[in-house]
Amino acid sequence: MTNSQAGASRAPRMVLDRYHRAMLDKSADDLADLYAVDAEHEFPFSAPGFPARFAGREAVRAGYRAAWGASPLRVKEIKDVVVHVSDDPRTVIAGHVVVVQTAAGDRAAVPGLLIIDVHDGLITRVRDYMDALAVARVAGVSGA
């Protein structure tokens, strides 16, 4: 692989593709490996009982292992991905719809928006605007 090919594989758009793949695979390790050691992952629309942020790669790994491990939901599809142009080439802004499925086979579409900052091929900051209450409703959390 040439240096330009290696750099392209770590470009923000490619990092977004790998991020989505980790979601589909429900792989906290693959997701966390995309992050810089001191990265921040923020959830501006967090729900009760869910943290507002993860500070650092290992917090992302532990947080997603716990969340995905406890969740009865499975990501079946990520569709309607729209990537918006940013003035900063290190930032990718993407809207998407995540189709989740329960163990009983019920499906729901959950809209979201990601703003991902990538420096030297690693995520340094994510602002993750997901509809956390929709996820809770689909998962059958009471009060959601």
C-alpha atoms as a PDB file:
ATOM      1  CA  MET A   1       0.000   0.000   0.000  1.00  0.00           C
ATOM      2  CA  THR A   2       1.396   3.384  -0.940  1.00  0.00           C
ATOM      3  CA  ASN A   3       1.466   6.345   1.464  1.00  0.00           C
ATOM      4  CA  SER A   4      -1.342   8.029  -0.485  1.00  0.00           C
ATOM      5  CA  GLN A   5      -3.453   4.843  -0.300  1.00  0.00           C
ATOM      6  CA  ALA A   6      -2.805   4.541   3.441  1.00  0.00           C
ATOM      7  CA  GLY A   7      -3.742   8.187   3.953  1.00  0.00           C
ATOM      8  CA  ALA A   8      -6.918   7.748   1.898  1.00  0.00           C
ATOM      9  CA  SER A   9      -7.967   4.762   4.041  1.00  0.00           C
ATOM     10  CA  ARG A  10      -7.853   7.065   7.076  1.00  0.00           C
ATOM     11  CA  ALA A  11      -9.604  10.014   5.428  1.00  0.00           C
ATOM     12  CA  PRO A  12     -12.715  11.229   7.288  1.00  0.00           C
ATOM     13  CA  ARG A  13     -15.126   9.676   4.769  1.00  0.00           C
ATOM     14  CA  MET A  14     -13.389   6.295   5.047  1.00  0.00           C
ATOM     15  CA  VAL A  15     -13.387   6.556   8.840  1.00  0.00           C
ATOM     16  CA  LEU A  16     -17.159   7.137   8.648  1.00  0.00           C
ATOM     17  CA  ASP A  17     -17.537   3.974   6.563  1.00  0.00           C
ATOM     18  CA  ARG A  18     -15.519   1.985   9.117  1.00  0.00           C
ATOM     19  CA  TYR A  19     -17.587   3.553  11.945  1.00  0.00           C
ATOM     20  CA  HIS A  20     -20.794   2.356  10.274  1.00  0.00           C
ATOM     21  CA  ARG A  21     -19.283  -1.116   9.744  1.00  0.00           C
ATOM     22  CA  ALA A  22     -18.465  -1.356  13.471  1.00  0.00           C
ATOM     23  CA  MET A  23     -22.090  -0.464  14.262  1.00  0.00           C
ATOM     24  CA  LEU A  24     -23.385  -3.176  11.922  1.00  0.00           C
ATOM     25  CA  ASP A  25     -20.974  -5.695  13.443  1.00  0.00           C
ATOM     26  CA  LYS A  26     -21.765  -4.476  16.989  1.00  0.00           C
ATOM     27  CA  SER A  27     -17.996  -4.405  17.534  1.00  0.00           C
ATOM     28  CA  ALA A  28     -16.939  -2.065  20.318  1.00  0.00           C
ATOM     29  CA  ASP A  29     -13.308  -2.963  19.636  1.00  0.00           C
ATOM     30  CA  ASP A  30     -13.479  -2.052  15.937  1.00  0.00           C
ATOM     31  CA  LEU A  31     -15.227   1.197  16.851  1.00  0.00           C
ATOM     32  CA  ALA A  32     -12.801   2.141  19.618  1.00  0.00           C
ATOM     33  CA  ASP A  33      -9.797   1.380  17.411  1.00  0.00           C
ATOM     34  CA  LEU A  34     -10.891   4.266  15.169  1.00  0.00           C
ATOM     35  CA  TYR A  35     -10.336   6.751  18.035  1.00  0.00           C
ATOM     36  CA  ALA A  36      -7.264   8.616  19.240  1.00  0.00           C
ATOM     37  CA  VAL A  37      -6.251   7.772  22.803  1.00  0.00           C
ATOM     38  CA  ASP A  38      -7.593  11.079  24.149  1.00  0.00           C
ATOM     39  CA  ALA A  39     -10.654  11.382  21.887  1.00  0.00           C
ATOM     40  CA  GLU A  40     -14.045  12.661  23.027  1.00  0.00           C
ATOM     41  CA  HIS A  41     -17.398  11.131  22.099  1.00  0.00           C
ATOM     42  CA  GLU A  42     -20.330  13.362  23.050  1.00  0.00           C
ATOM     43  CA  PHE A  43     -24.055  12.599  23.116  1.00  0.00           C
ATOM     44  CA  PRO A  44     -25.781  16.012  23.135  1.00  0.00           C
ATOM     45  CA  PHE A  45     -29.218  14.322  23.108  1.00  0.00           C
ATOM     46  CA  SER A  46     -28.463  11.723  25.768  1.00  0.00           C
ATOM     47  CA  ALA A  47     -31.207   9.901  27.599  1.00  0.00           C
ATOM     48  CA  PRO A  48     -31.539   9.288  31.329  1.00  0.00           C
ATOM     49  CA  GLY A  49     -29.148   6.578  32.461  1.00  0.00           C
ATOM     50  CA  PHE A  50     -26.838   7.124  29.495  1.00  0.00           C
ATOM     51  CA  PRO A  51     -23.675   9.220  29.790  1.00  0.00           C
ATOM     52  CA  ALA A  52     -23.389  12.587  28.078  1.00  0.00           C
ATOM     53  CA  ARG A  53     -19.882  11.685  26.862  1.00  0.00           C
ATOM     54  CA  PHE A  54     -17.049   9.201  26.776  1.00  0.00           C
ATOM     55  CA  ALA A  55     -13.586  10.638  27.388  1.00  0.00           C
ATOM     56  CA  GLY A  56     -10.838   8.630  25.695  1.00  0.00           C
ATOM     57  CA  ARG A  57     -10.568   5.579  23.455  1.00  0.00           C
ATOM     58  CA  GLU A  58     -10.844   3.093  26.314  1.00  0.00           C
ATOM     59  CA  ALA A  59     -13.977   4.809  27.649  1.00  0.00           C
ATOM     60  CA  VAL A  60     -15.491   4.469  24.151  1.00  0.00           C
ATOM     61  CA  ARG A  61     -14.531   0.788  24.125  1.00  0.00           C
ATOM     62  CA  ALA A  62     -15.945   0.097  27.598  1.00  0.00           C
ATOM     63  CA  GLY A  63     -19.055   2.217  27.044  1.00  0.00           C
ATOM     64  CA  TYR A  64     -19.992   0.574  23.770  1.00  0.00           C
ATOM     65  CA  ARG A  65     -19.179  -2.915  25.061  1.00  0.00           C
ATOM     66  CA  ALA A  66     -21.591  -2.309  27.930  1.00  0.00           C
ATOM     67  CA  ALA A  67     -24.285  -0.614  25.843  1.00  0.00           C
ATOM     68  CA  TRP A  68     -24.184  -3.008  22.902  1.00  0.00           C
ATOM     69  CA  GLY A  69     -23.742  -6.037  25.150  1.00  0.00           C
ATOM     70  CA  ALA A  70     -26.842  -5.166  27.179  1.00  0.00           C
ATOM     71  CA  SER A  71     -28.979  -4.070  24.242  1.00  0.00           C
ATOM     72  CA  PRO A  72     -31.532  -6.449  22.759  1.00  0.00           C
ATOM     73  CA  LEU A  73     -31.321  -4.431  19.535  1.00  0.00           C
ATOM     74  CA  ARG A  74     -29.268  -5.250  16.490  1.00  0.00           C
ATOM     75  CA  VAL A  75     -28.384  -2.774  13.755  1.00  0.00           C
ATOM     76  CA  LYS A  76     -29.691  -4.331  10.558  1.00  0.00           C
ATOM     77  CA  GLU A  77     -29.023  -1.516   8.136  1.00  0.00           C
ATOM     78  CA  ILE A  78     -27.671   2.001   7.921  1.00  0.00           C
ATOM     79  CA  LYS A  79     -29.439   3.831   5.131  1.00  0.00           C
ATOM     80  CA  ASP A  80     -30.086   7.261   3.718  1.00  0.00           C
ATOM     81  CA  VAL A  81     -26.524   8.316   4.523  1.00  0.00           C
ATOM     82  CA  VAL A  82     -26.009  11.942   3.514  1.00  0.00           C
ATOM     83  CA  VAL A  83     -22.527  13.388   3.903  1.00  0.00           C
ATOM     84  CA  HIS A  84     -22.381  17.152   4.221  1.00  0.00           C
ATOM     85  CA  VAL A  85     -19.411  19.229   3.171  1.00  0.00           C
ATOM     86  CA  SER A  86     -17.511  20.990   5.930  1.00  0.00           C
ATOM     87  CA  ASP A  87     -15.112  23.916   5.650  1.00  0.00           C
ATOM     88  CA  ASP A  88     -12.619  21.737   7.520  1.00  0.00           C
ATOM     89  CA  PRO A  89     -11.442  18.746   5.445  1.00  0.00           C
ATOM     90  CA  ARG A  90     -10.757  16.836   8.688  1.00  0.00           C
ATOM     91  CA  THR A  91     -14.450  16.908   9.607  1.00  0.00           C
ATOM     92  CA  VAL A  92     -17.192  14.723   8.184  1.00  0.00           C
ATOM     93  CA  ILE A  93     -20.850  15.476   8.914  1.00  0.00           C
ATOM     94  CA  ALA A  94     -23.237  12.648   8.161  1.00  0.00           C
ATOM     95  CA  GLY A  95     -26.930  12.160   8.579  1.00  0.00           C
ATOM     96  CA  HIS A  96     -28.254   8.616   8.492  1.00  0.00           C
ATOM     97  CA  VAL A  97     -31.100   6.342   9.456  1.00  0.00           C
ATOM     98  CA  VAL A  98     -30.193   3.299  11.523  1.00  0.00           C
ATOM     99  CA  VAL A  99     -32.619   0.412  11.150  1.00  0.00           C
ATOM    100  CA  VAL A 100     -32.649  -1.643  14.339  1.00  0.00           C
ATOM    101  CA  GLN A 101     -34.322  -4.951  15.059  1.00  0.00           C
ATOM    102  CA  THR A 102     -35.455  -6.549  18.300  1.00  0.00           C
ATOM    103  CA  ALA A 103     -35.052 -10.240  19.116  1.00  0.00           C
ATOM    104  CA  ALA A 104     -38.767 -10.617  18.275  1.00  0.00           C
ATOM    105  CA  GLY A 105     -38.092  -9.260  14.793  1.00  0.00           C
ATOM    106  CA  ASP A 106     -39.687  -5.840  15.238  1.00  0.00           C
ATOM    107  CA  ARG A 107     -37.884  -3.113  13.328  1.00  0.00           C
ATOM    108  CA  ALA A 108     -37.634   0.619  13.751  1.00  0.00           C
ATOM    109  CA  ALA A 109     -35.830   3.425  11.979  1.00  0.00           C
ATOM    110  CA  VAL A 110     -33.768   5.724  14.184  1.00  0.00           C
ATOM    111  CA  PRO A 111     -32.477   8.961  12.635  1.00  0.00           C
ATOM    112  CA  GLY A 112     -29.106  10.340  13.635  1.00  0.00           C
ATOM    113  CA  LEU A 113     -26.401  12.812  12.819  1.00  0.00           C
ATOM    114  CA  LEU A 114     -22.676  12.367  13.372  1.00  0.00           C
ATOM    115  CA  ILE A 115     -20.052  15.078  13.330  1.00  0.00           C
ATOM    116  CA  ILE A 116     -16.672  13.365  13.278  1.00  0.00           C
ATOM    117  CA  ASP A 117     -13.313  15.125  13.532  1.00  0.00           C
ATOM    118  CA  VAL A 118     -10.396  13.065  12.203  1.00  0.00           C
ATOM    119  CA  HIS A 119      -6.749  13.993  12.703  1.00  0.00           C
ATOM    120  CA  ASP A 120      -3.883  11.828  11.468  1.00  0.00           C
ATOM    121  CA  GLY A 121      -6.369   9.098  10.553  1.00  0.00           C
ATOM    122  CA  LEU A 122      -7.947   8.812  14.022  1.00  0.00           C
ATOM    123  CA  ILE A 123     -11.154  10.205  15.445  1.00  0.00           C
ATOM    124  CA  THR A 124     -10.471  13.002  17.908  1.00  0.00           C
ATOM    125  CA  ARG A 125     -14.066  14.053  18.562  1.00  0.00           C
ATOM    126  CA  VAL A 126     -17.548  12.797  17.769  1.00  0.00           C
ATOM    127  CA  ARG A 127     -20.794  14.614  18.388  1.00  0.00           C
ATOM    128  CA  ASP A 128     -23.400  11.874  18.147  1.00  0.00           C
ATOM    129  CA  TYR A 129     -26.936  13.227  17.751  1.00  0.00           C
ATOM    130  CA  MET A 130     -29.033  10.074  17.873  1.00  0.00           C
ATOM    131  CA  ASP A 131     -32.657   9.820  18.857  1.00  0.00           C
ATOM    132  CA  ALA A 132     -31.893   8.072  22.158  1.00  0.00           C
ATOM    133  CA  LEU A 133     -35.556   8.050  23.207  1.00  0.00           C
ATOM    134  CA  ALA A 134     -36.536   6.256  19.995  1.00  0.00           C
ATOM    135  CA  VAL A 135     -33.891   3.625  20.731  1.00  0.00           C
ATOM    136  CA  ALA A 136     -35.246   3.228  24.280  1.00  0.00           C
ATOM    137  CA  ARG A 137     -38.818   2.862  22.981  1.00  0.00           C
ATOM    138  CA  VAL A 138     -37.816   0.166  20.500  1.00  0.00           C
ATOM    139  CA  ALA A 139     -35.830  -1.637  23.208  1.00  0.00           C
ATOM    140  CA  GLY A 140     -38.935  -1.601  25.418  1.00  0.00           C
ATOM    141  CA  VAL A 141     -37.550   0.634  28.146  1.00  0.00           C
ATOM    142  CA  SER A 142     -40.481   1.788  30.253  1.00  0.00           C
ATOM    143  CA  GLY A 143     -41.124   5.494  30.440  1.00  0.00           C
ATOM    144  CA  ALA A 144     -39.524   6.176  27.050  1.00  0.00           C
END
